[in-house]
Amino acid sequence: MSGRSKAFEDDDPFEMVAAHYPVESGVDADREMARCVVEEYALLGWPARRIRRLFDTPAYPALHAILVRRGAASIDALIGAVFGAGDGKTA
């Protein structure tokens, strides 16, 4: 039996869990989360183009949702700011 057809059990450590937390007024949570992700992958040596593709991929729902809410230009600008280059699509 493959893992795809196995039903989750109550104590299954691989069950998806989401955590919500309060954010102070005036804090742009989407921008902060996206920047943290971009910085983490950049520190791991990923190029900007590869990081950008994470936002395009629905398999990464939190990042993709930020892209949908904010638009591609916003994500490109954020990646560019982290990498210190134009539109963030190079490197």
C-alpha atoms as a PDB file:
ATOM      1  CA  MET A   1       0.000   0.000   0.000  1.00  0.00           C
ATOM      2  CA  SER A   2       1.475   3.367  -0.966  1.00  0.00           C
ATOM      3  CA  GLY A   3       1.414   6.388   1.318  1.00  0.00           C
ATOM      4  CA  ARG A   4      -0.957   8.147  -1.051  1.00  0.00           C
ATOM      5  CA  SER A   5      -3.776   5.695  -0.480  1.00  0.00           C
ATOM      6  CA  LYS A   6      -3.215   5.273   3.265  1.00  0.00           C
ATOM      7  CA  ALA A   7      -5.694   7.142   5.434  1.00  0.00           C
ATOM      8  CA  PHE A   8      -4.266   9.443   8.116  1.00  0.00           C
ATOM      9  CA  GLU A   9      -4.426   8.155  11.654  1.00  0.00           C
ATOM     10  CA  ASP A  10      -5.108  10.352  14.687  1.00  0.00           C
ATOM     11  CA  ASP A  11      -1.459  10.193  15.760  1.00  0.00           C
ATOM     12  CA  ASP A  12       0.075  10.295  12.258  1.00  0.00           C
ATOM     13  CA  PRO A  13       3.182  12.532  12.346  1.00  0.00           C
ATOM     14  CA  PHE A  14       2.835  13.302   8.633  1.00  0.00           C
ATOM     15  CA  GLU A  15      -0.626  14.826   8.900  1.00  0.00           C
ATOM     16  CA  MET A  16      -0.670  18.399   7.598  1.00  0.00           C
ATOM     17  CA  VAL A  17      -1.130  20.971  10.346  1.00  0.00           C
ATOM     18  CA  ALA A  18      -1.574  24.707   9.949  1.00  0.00           C
ATOM     19  CA  ALA A  19      -0.933  27.218  12.690  1.00  0.00           C
ATOM     20  CA  HIS A  20      -2.471  30.671  12.755  1.00  0.00           C
ATOM     21  CA  TYR A  21      -1.043  33.426  14.884  1.00  0.00           C
ATOM     22  CA  PRO A  22      -2.004  37.010  15.640  1.00  0.00           C
ATOM     23  CA  VAL A  23      -0.140  39.785  13.855  1.00  0.00           C
ATOM     24  CA  GLU A  24       0.254  43.280  15.248  1.00  0.00           C
ATOM     25  CA  SER A  25      -1.654  46.035  13.513  1.00  0.00           C
ATOM     26  CA  GLY A  26       0.428  47.621  10.790  1.00  0.00           C
ATOM     27  CA  VAL A  27       2.590  44.543  10.181  1.00  0.00           C
ATOM     28  CA  ASP A  28       2.471  43.248   6.619  1.00  0.00           C
ATOM     29  CA  ALA A  29       2.438  39.518   7.386  1.00  0.00           C
ATOM     30  CA  ASP A  30       2.479  38.444   3.724  1.00  0.00           C
ATOM     31  CA  ARG A  31       5.554  40.546   2.993  1.00  0.00           C
ATOM     32  CA  GLU A  32       7.366  39.402   6.138  1.00  0.00           C
ATOM     33  CA  MET A  33       6.698  35.733   5.439  1.00  0.00           C
ATOM     34  CA  ALA A  34       7.654  35.996   1.782  1.00  0.00           C
ATOM     35  CA  ARG A  35      10.866  37.864   2.600  1.00  0.00           C
ATOM     36  CA  CYS A  36      11.850  35.283   5.219  1.00  0.00           C
ATOM     37  CA  VAL A  37      11.339  32.448   2.735  1.00  0.00           C
ATOM     38  CA  VAL A  38      13.311  34.264   0.023  1.00  0.00           C
ATOM     39  CA  GLU A  39      16.153  35.025   2.453  1.00  0.00           C
ATOM     40  CA  GLU A  40      16.293  31.435   3.722  1.00  0.00           C
ATOM     41  CA  TYR A  41      16.530  29.920   0.263  1.00  0.00           C
ATOM     42  CA  ALA A  42      19.022  32.585  -0.842  1.00  0.00           C
ATOM     43  CA  LEU A  43      21.221  31.676   2.134  1.00  0.00           C
ATOM     44  CA  LEU A  44      21.032  28.047   1.015  1.00  0.00           C
ATOM     45  CA  GLY A  45      22.462  29.124  -2.330  1.00  0.00           C
ATOM     46  CA  TRP A  46      19.323  28.988  -4.459  1.00  0.00           C
ATOM     47  CA  PRO A  47      19.296  31.429  -7.398  1.00  0.00           C
ATOM     48  CA  ALA A  48      16.560  34.065  -7.576  1.00  0.00           C
ATOM     49  CA  ARG A  49      14.820  32.393 -10.529  1.00  0.00           C
ATOM     50  CA  ARG A  50      14.438  29.123  -8.651  1.00  0.00           C
ATOM     51  CA  ILE A  51      13.056  30.861  -5.561  1.00  0.00           C
ATOM     52  CA  ARG A  52      10.620  32.814  -7.740  1.00  0.00           C
ATOM     53  CA  ARG A  53       9.247  29.562  -9.154  1.00  0.00           C
ATOM     54  CA  LEU A  54       8.211  28.499  -5.637  1.00  0.00           C
ATOM     55  CA  PHE A  55       5.648  31.324  -5.659  1.00  0.00           C
ATOM     56  CA  ASP A  56       4.296  30.221  -9.059  1.00  0.00           C
ATOM     57  CA  THR A  57       3.738  26.642  -7.903  1.00  0.00           C
ATOM     58  CA  PRO A  58       0.380  25.793  -6.279  1.00  0.00           C
ATOM     59  CA  ALA A  59       2.212  22.942  -4.504  1.00  0.00           C
ATOM     60  CA  TYR A  60       3.477  25.670  -2.151  1.00  0.00           C
ATOM     61  CA  PRO A  61       0.058  27.043  -1.186  1.00  0.00           C
ATOM     62  CA  ALA A  62       1.138  29.740   1.276  1.00  0.00           C
ATOM     63  CA  LEU A  63       3.645  31.260  -1.143  1.00  0.00           C
ATOM     64  CA  HIS A  64       1.307  30.882  -4.105  1.00  0.00           C
ATOM     65  CA  ALA A  65      -1.494  32.597  -2.166  1.00  0.00           C
ATOM     66  CA  ILE A  66       0.802  35.557  -1.477  1.00  0.00           C
ATOM     67  CA  LEU A  67       1.585  35.783  -5.195  1.00  0.00           C
ATOM     68  CA  VAL A  68      -2.121  35.729  -6.041  1.00  0.00           C
ATOM     69  CA  ARG A  69      -2.942  38.398  -3.427  1.00  0.00           C
ATOM     70  CA  ARG A  70       0.018  40.672  -4.143  1.00  0.00           C
ATOM     71  CA  GLY A  71       0.808  40.079  -7.779  1.00  0.00           C
ATOM     72  CA  ALA A  72       3.957  39.011  -9.573  1.00  0.00           C
ATOM     73  CA  ALA A  73       5.513  42.497  -9.590  1.00  0.00           C
ATOM     74  CA  SER A  74       5.410  42.622  -5.793  1.00  0.00           C
ATOM     75  CA  ILE A  75       7.159  39.254  -5.464  1.00  0.00           C
ATOM     76  CA  ASP A  76       9.729  40.196  -8.106  1.00  0.00           C
ATOM     77  CA  ALA A  77      10.486  43.444  -6.257  1.00  0.00           C
ATOM     78  CA  LEU A  78      10.901  41.602  -2.959  1.00  0.00           C
ATOM     79  CA  ILE A  79      13.262  39.043  -4.500  1.00  0.00           C
ATOM     80  CA  GLY A  80      15.154  41.866  -6.186  1.00  0.00           C
ATOM     81  CA  ALA A  81      15.552  43.635  -2.849  1.00  0.00           C
ATOM     82  CA  VAL A  82      16.935  40.492  -1.217  1.00  0.00           C
ATOM     83  CA  PHE A  83      19.328  39.789  -4.074  1.00  0.00           C
ATOM     84  CA  GLY A  84      20.146  43.456  -4.625  1.00  0.00           C
ATOM     85  CA  ALA A  85      19.435  43.190  -8.344  1.00  0.00           C
ATOM     86  CA  GLY A  86      16.901  44.717 -10.717  1.00  0.00           C
ATOM     87  CA  ASP A  87      13.782  42.603 -10.908  1.00  0.00           C
ATOM     88  CA  GLY A  88      15.047  39.644  -8.896  1.00  0.00           C
ATOM     89  CA  LYS A  89      14.812  37.258 -11.836  1.00  0.00           C
ATOM     90  CA  THR A  90      18.544  37.061 -12.342  1.00  0.00           C
ATOM     91  CA  ALA A  91      21.308  35.460 -10.295  1.00  0.00           C
END
